[in-house]
Amino acid sequence: MAKEVIVTQVRSAIRRPKSQKRTLEALGLKRLHRPVTKVATPQILGMIAKVSHLVTVQDK
């Protein structure tokens, strides 16, 4: 079974570059402190790395 991670946005996207805002949207993060479960594919892990200063990640 594929490994899953729980991603939670903990910092605001205000005053961030548009590419970071779009990455948060692509991850399905719409509000602060609302967790989203994602399958840990290389693409998802790359997106998480791009906005790592705005999110927290936990293993499921």
PDB file of N, CA and C in Angstrom:
ATOM      1  N   MET A   1       0.839  -1.184   0.000  1.00  0.00           N
ATOM      2  CA  MET A   1       0.000   0.000   0.000  1.00  0.00           C
ATOM      3  C   MET A   1       0.884   1.247   0.000  1.00  0.00           C
ATOM      4  N   ALA A   2       0.450   2.263  -0.682  1.00  0.00           N
ATOM      5  CA  ALA A   2       1.234   3.493  -0.806  1.00  0.00           C
ATOM      6  C   ALA A   2       1.268   4.249   0.520  1.00  0.00           C
ATOM      7  N   LYS A   3       2.395   4.874   0.771  1.00  0.00           N
ATOM      8  CA  LYS A   3       2.562   5.661   1.987  1.00  0.00           C
ATOM      9  C   LYS A   3       1.773   6.966   1.852  1.00  0.00           C
ATOM     10  N   GLU A   4       1.139   7.379   2.943  1.00  0.00           N
ATOM     11  CA  GLU A   4       0.371   8.618   2.939  1.00  0.00           C
ATOM     12  C   GLU A   4       0.939   9.595   3.948  1.00  0.00           C
ATOM     13  N   VAL A   5       0.770  10.870   3.680  1.00  0.00           N
ATOM     14  CA  VAL A   5       1.213  11.921   4.589  1.00  0.00           C
ATOM     15  C   VAL A   5       0.043  12.872   4.840  1.00  0.00           C
ATOM     16  N   ILE A   6       0.054  13.502   6.002  1.00  0.00           N
ATOM     17  CA  ILE A   6      -0.948  14.502   6.348  1.00  0.00           C
ATOM     18  C   ILE A   6      -0.261  15.860   6.291  1.00  0.00           C
ATOM     19  N   VAL A   7      -0.775  16.743   5.440  1.00  0.00           N
ATOM     20  CA  VAL A   7      -0.195  18.066   5.239  1.00  0.00           C
ATOM     21  C   VAL A   7      -1.154  19.102   5.817  1.00  0.00           C
ATOM     22  N   THR A   8      -0.615  20.009   6.634  1.00  0.00           N
ATOM     23  CA  THR A   8      -1.420  21.060   7.246  1.00  0.00           C
ATOM     24  C   THR A   8      -0.744  22.400   7.020  1.00  0.00           C
ATOM     25  N   GLN A   9      -1.503  23.361   6.527  1.00  0.00           N
ATOM     26  CA  GLN A   9      -0.953  24.710   6.341  1.00  0.00           C
ATOM     27  C   GLN A   9      -0.970  25.421   7.686  1.00  0.00           C
ATOM     28  N   VAL A  10       0.196  25.938   8.110  1.00  0.00           N
ATOM     29  CA  VAL A  10       0.306  26.594   9.404  1.00  0.00           C
ATOM     30  C   VAL A  10       0.698  28.063   9.290  1.00  0.00           C
ATOM     31  N   ARG A  11       1.085  28.505   8.107  1.00  0.00           N
ATOM     32  CA  ARG A  11       1.412  29.919   7.900  1.00  0.00           C
ATOM     33  C   ARG A  11       0.653  30.426   6.680  1.00  0.00           C
ATOM     34  N   SER A  12       0.346  31.702   6.694  1.00  0.00           N
ATOM     35  CA  SER A  12      -0.460  32.314   5.652  1.00  0.00           C
ATOM     36  C   SER A  12       0.299  32.431   4.329  1.00  0.00           C
ATOM     37  N   ALA A  13      -0.473  32.436   3.247  1.00  0.00           N
ATOM     38  CA  ALA A  13       0.099  32.611   1.910  1.00  0.00           C
ATOM     39  C   ALA A  13       0.096  34.080   1.483  1.00  0.00           C
ATOM     40  N   ILE A  14      -0.359  34.954   2.347  1.00  0.00           N
ATOM     41  CA  ILE A  14      -0.357  36.383   2.035  1.00  0.00           C
ATOM     42  C   ILE A  14       1.087  36.853   1.885  1.00  0.00           C
ATOM     43  N   ARG A  15       1.335  37.680   0.879  1.00  0.00           N
ATOM     44  CA  ARG A  15       2.662  38.229   0.565  1.00  0.00           C
ATOM     45  C   ARG A  15       3.663  37.147   0.171  1.00  0.00           C
ATOM     46  N   ARG A  16       3.187  36.083  -0.421  1.00  0.00           N
ATOM     47  CA  ARG A  16       4.048  35.023  -0.955  1.00  0.00           C
ATOM     48  C   ARG A  16       3.967  35.061  -2.473  1.00  0.00           C
ATOM     49  N   PRO A  17       4.984  34.567  -3.150  1.00  0.00           N
ATOM     50  CA  PRO A  17       4.938  34.533  -4.623  1.00  0.00           C
ATOM     51  C   PRO A  17       3.756  33.704  -5.128  1.00  0.00           C
ATOM     52  N   LYS A  18       3.289  34.056  -6.310  1.00  0.00           N
ATOM     53  CA  LYS A  18       2.140  33.381  -6.891  1.00  0.00           C
ATOM     54  C   LYS A  18       2.386  31.878  -7.059  1.00  0.00           C
ATOM     55  N   SER A  19       3.612  31.498  -7.358  1.00  0.00           N
ATOM     56  CA  SER A  19       3.904  30.072  -7.550  1.00  0.00           C
ATOM     57  C   SER A  19       3.696  29.293  -6.247  1.00  0.00           C
ATOM     58  N   GLN A  20       4.016  29.897  -5.110  1.00  0.00           N
ATOM     59  CA  GLN A  20       3.796  29.224  -3.828  1.00  0.00           C
ATOM     60  C   GLN A  20       2.303  29.139  -3.515  1.00  0.00           C
ATOM     61  N   LYS A  21       1.552  30.178  -3.822  1.00  0.00           N
ATOM     62  CA  LYS A  21       0.103  30.150  -3.613  1.00  0.00           C
ATOM     63  C   LYS A  21      -0.546  29.054  -4.460  1.00  0.00           C
ATOM     64  N   ARG A  22      -0.093  28.944  -5.705  1.00  0.00           N
ATOM     65  CA  ARG A  22      -0.651  27.928  -6.596  1.00  0.00           C
ATOM     66  C   ARG A  22      -0.261  26.518  -6.162  1.00  0.00           C
ATOM     67  N   THR A  23       0.919  26.376  -5.572  1.00  0.00           N
ATOM     68  CA  THR A  23       1.337  25.079  -5.059  1.00  0.00           C
ATOM     69  C   THR A  23       0.456  24.665  -3.889  1.00  0.00           C
ATOM     70  N   LEU A  24       0.136  25.604  -3.008  1.00  0.00           N
ATOM     71  CA  LEU A  24      -0.777  25.303  -1.893  1.00  0.00           C
ATOM     72  C   LEU A  24      -2.148  24.884  -2.413  1.00  0.00           C
ATOM     73  N   GLU A  25      -2.639  25.566  -3.430  1.00  0.00           N
ATOM     74  CA  GLU A  25      -3.921  25.205  -4.030  1.00  0.00           C
ATOM     75  C   GLU A  25      -3.857  23.808  -4.643  1.00  0.00           C
ATOM     76  N   ALA A  26      -2.744  23.501  -5.308  1.00  0.00           N
ATOM     77  CA  ALA A  26      -2.584  22.189  -5.941  1.00  0.00           C
ATOM     78  C   ALA A  26      -2.549  21.071  -4.902  1.00  0.00           C
ATOM     79  N   LEU A  27      -2.050  21.382  -3.713  1.00  0.00           N
ATOM     80  CA  LEU A  27      -2.042  20.401  -2.628  1.00  0.00           C
ATOM     81  C   LEU A  27      -3.415  20.272  -1.973  1.00  0.00           C
ATOM     82  N   GLY A  28      -4.342  21.147  -2.311  1.00  0.00           N
ATOM     83  CA  GLY A  28      -5.679  21.089  -1.738  1.00  0.00           C
ATOM     84  C   GLY A  28      -5.804  21.834  -0.424  1.00  0.00           C
ATOM     85  N   LEU A  29      -4.840  22.703  -0.120  1.00  0.00           N
ATOM     86  CA  LEU A  29      -4.872  23.466   1.126  1.00  0.00           C
ATOM     87  C   LEU A  29      -5.599  24.781   0.874  1.00  0.00           C
ATOM     88  N   LYS A  30      -6.705  24.974   1.582  1.00  0.00           N
ATOM     89  CA  LYS A  30      -7.519  26.164   1.368  1.00  0.00           C
ATOM     90  C   LYS A  30      -7.551  27.081   2.574  1.00  0.00           C
ATOM     91  N   ARG A  31      -7.415  26.532   3.767  1.00  0.00           N
ATOM     92  CA  ARG A  31      -7.466  27.323   4.990  1.00  0.00           C
ATOM     93  C   ARG A  31      -6.363  26.874   5.937  1.00  0.00           C
ATOM     94  N   LEU A  32      -6.030  27.735   6.865  1.00  0.00           N
ATOM     95  CA  LEU A  32      -5.034  27.381   7.868  1.00  0.00           C
ATOM     96  C   LEU A  32      -5.571  26.281   8.779  1.00  0.00           C
ATOM     97  N   HIS A  33      -4.703  25.395   9.197  1.00  0.00           N
ATOM     98  CA  HIS A  33      -4.981  24.348  10.183  1.00  0.00           C
ATOM     99  C   HIS A  33      -6.054  23.354   9.734  1.00  0.00           C
ATOM    100  N   ARG A  34      -6.225  23.188   8.436  1.00  0.00           N
ATOM    101  CA  ARG A  34      -7.131  22.168   7.909  1.00  0.00           C
ATOM    102  C   ARG A  34      -6.273  21.089   7.244  1.00  0.00           C
ATOM    103  N   PRO A  35      -6.150  19.924   7.863  1.00  0.00           N
ATOM    104  CA  PRO A  35      -5.273  18.891   7.306  1.00  0.00           C
ATOM    105  C   PRO A  35      -5.826  18.252   6.029  1.00  0.00           C
ATOM    106  N   VAL A  36      -4.908  17.846   5.166  1.00  0.00           N
ATOM    107  CA  VAL A  36      -5.231  17.155   3.927  1.00  0.00           C
ATOM    108  C   VAL A  36      -4.348  15.915   3.850  1.00  0.00           C
ATOM    109  N   THR A  37      -4.923  14.789   3.488  1.00  0.00           N
ATOM    110  CA  THR A  37      -4.159  13.541   3.350  1.00  0.00           C
ATOM    111  C   THR A  37      -3.807  13.339   1.881  1.00  0.00           C
ATOM    112  N   LYS A  38      -2.529  13.091   1.620  1.00  0.00           N
ATOM    113  CA  LYS A  38      -2.045  12.882   0.255  1.00  0.00           C
ATOM    114  C   LYS A  38      -1.180  11.632   0.204  1.00  0.00           C
ATOM    115  N   VAL A  39      -1.156  10.980  -0.948  1.00  0.00           N
ATOM    116  CA  VAL A  39      -0.249   9.861  -1.178  1.00  0.00           C
ATOM    117  C   VAL A  39       1.135  10.444  -1.447  1.00  0.00           C
ATOM    118  N   ALA A  40       2.148   9.877  -0.831  1.00  0.00           N
ATOM    119  CA  ALA A  40       3.509  10.433  -0.888  1.00  0.00           C
ATOM    120  C   ALA A  40       4.218  10.036  -2.180  1.00  0.00           C
ATOM    121  N   THR A  41       3.780  10.626  -3.302  1.00  0.00           N
ATOM    122  CA  THR A  41       4.456  10.421  -4.577  1.00  0.00           C
ATOM    123  C   THR A  41       5.598  11.428  -4.694  1.00  0.00           C
ATOM    124  N   PRO A  42       6.530  11.214  -5.595  1.00  0.00           N
ATOM    125  CA  PRO A  42       7.610  12.188  -5.769  1.00  0.00           C
ATOM    126  C   PRO A  42       7.103  13.586  -6.118  1.00  0.00           C
ATOM    127  N   GLN A  43       6.002  13.667  -6.879  1.00  0.00           N
ATOM    128  CA  GLN A  43       5.456  14.967  -7.251  1.00  0.00           C
ATOM    129  C   GLN A  43       4.911  15.702  -6.030  1.00  0.00           C
ATOM    130  N   ILE A  44       4.178  15.000  -5.189  1.00  0.00           N
ATOM    131  CA  ILE A  44       3.606  15.607  -3.979  1.00  0.00           C
ATOM    132  C   ILE A  44       4.729  16.007  -3.022  1.00  0.00           C
ATOM    133  N   LEU A  45       5.739  15.165  -2.859  1.00  0.00           N
ATOM    134  CA  LEU A  45       6.851  15.496  -1.966  1.00  0.00           C
ATOM    135  C   LEU A  45       7.620  16.708  -2.468  1.00  0.00           C
ATOM    136  N   GLY A  46       7.722  16.870  -3.784  1.00  0.00           N
ATOM    137  CA  GLY A  46       8.369  18.050  -4.347  1.00  0.00           C
ATOM    138  C   GLY A  46       7.575  19.318  -4.070  1.00  0.00           C
ATOM    139  N   MET A  47       6.239  19.223  -4.174  1.00  0.00           N
ATOM    140  CA  MET A  47       5.399  20.380  -3.870  1.00  0.00           C
ATOM    141  C   MET A  47       5.499  20.746  -2.390  1.00  0.00           C
ATOM    142  N   ILE A  48       5.536  19.733  -1.533  1.00  0.00           N
ATOM    143  CA  ILE A  48       5.669  19.984  -0.095  1.00  0.00           C
ATOM    144  C   ILE A  48       7.008  20.654   0.195  1.00  0.00           C
ATOM    145  N   ALA A  49       8.065  20.221  -0.470  1.00  0.00           N
ATOM    146  CA  ALA A  49       9.384  20.829  -0.260  1.00  0.00           C
ATOM    147  C   ALA A  49       9.391  22.294  -0.688  1.00  0.00           C
ATOM    148  N   LYS A  50       8.649  22.622  -1.722  1.00  0.00           N
ATOM    149  CA  LYS A  50       8.608  23.998  -2.227  1.00  0.00           C
ATOM    150  C   LYS A  50       7.959  24.953  -1.227  1.00  0.00           C
ATOM    151  N   VAL A  51       6.983  24.455  -0.464  1.00  0.00           N
ATOM    152  CA  VAL A  51       6.277  25.309   0.505  1.00  0.00           C
ATOM    153  C   VAL A  51       6.486  24.802   1.936  1.00  0.00           C
ATOM    154  N   SER A  52       7.628  24.203   2.191  1.00  0.00           N
ATOM    155  CA  SER A  52       7.883  23.582   3.497  1.00  0.00           C
ATOM    156  C   SER A  52       7.861  24.591   4.643  1.00  0.00           C
ATOM    157  N   HIS A  53       8.126  25.866   4.351  1.00  0.00           N
ATOM    158  CA  HIS A  53       8.109  26.896   5.384  1.00  0.00           C
ATOM    159  C   HIS A  53       6.683  27.327   5.740  1.00  0.00           C
ATOM    160  N   LEU A  54       5.682  26.848   4.990  1.00  0.00           N
ATOM    161  CA  LEU A  54       4.292  27.209   5.236  1.00  0.00           C
ATOM    162  C   LEU A  54       3.451  26.058   5.773  1.00  0.00           C
ATOM    163  N   VAL A  55       3.990  24.842   5.731  1.00  0.00           N
ATOM    164  CA  VAL A  55       3.195  23.663   6.089  1.00  0.00           C
ATOM    165  C   VAL A  55       3.948  22.778   7.095  1.00  0.00           C
ATOM    166  N   THR A  56       3.174  21.898   7.730  1.00  0.00           N
ATOM    167  CA  THR A  56       3.763  20.818   8.531  1.00  0.00           C
ATOM    168  C   THR A  56       3.327  19.503   7.901  1.00  0.00           C
ATOM    169  N   VAL A  57       4.152  18.483   8.060  1.00  0.00           N
ATOM    170  CA  VAL A  57       3.884  17.179   7.452  1.00  0.00           C
ATOM    171  C   VAL A  57       4.003  16.107   8.517  1.00  0.00           C
ATOM    172  N   GLN A  58       3.039  15.191   8.527  1.00  0.00           N
ATOM    173  CA  GLN A  58       3.049  14.049   9.447  1.00  0.00           C
ATOM    174  C   GLN A  58       2.808  12.789   8.650  1.00  0.00           C
ATOM    175  N   ASP A  59       3.397  11.685   9.124  1.00  0.00           N
ATOM    176  CA  ASP A  59       3.110  10.394   8.515  1.00  0.00           C
ATOM    177  C   ASP A  59       1.753   9.913   8.998  1.00  0.00           C
ATOM    178  N   LYS A  60       1.078   9.186   8.133  1.00  0.00           N
ATOM    179  CA  LYS A  60      -0.235   8.659   8.519  1.00  0.00           C
ATOM    180  C   LYS A  60      -0.096   7.270   9.064  1.00  0.00           C
TER     181      LYS A  60
END
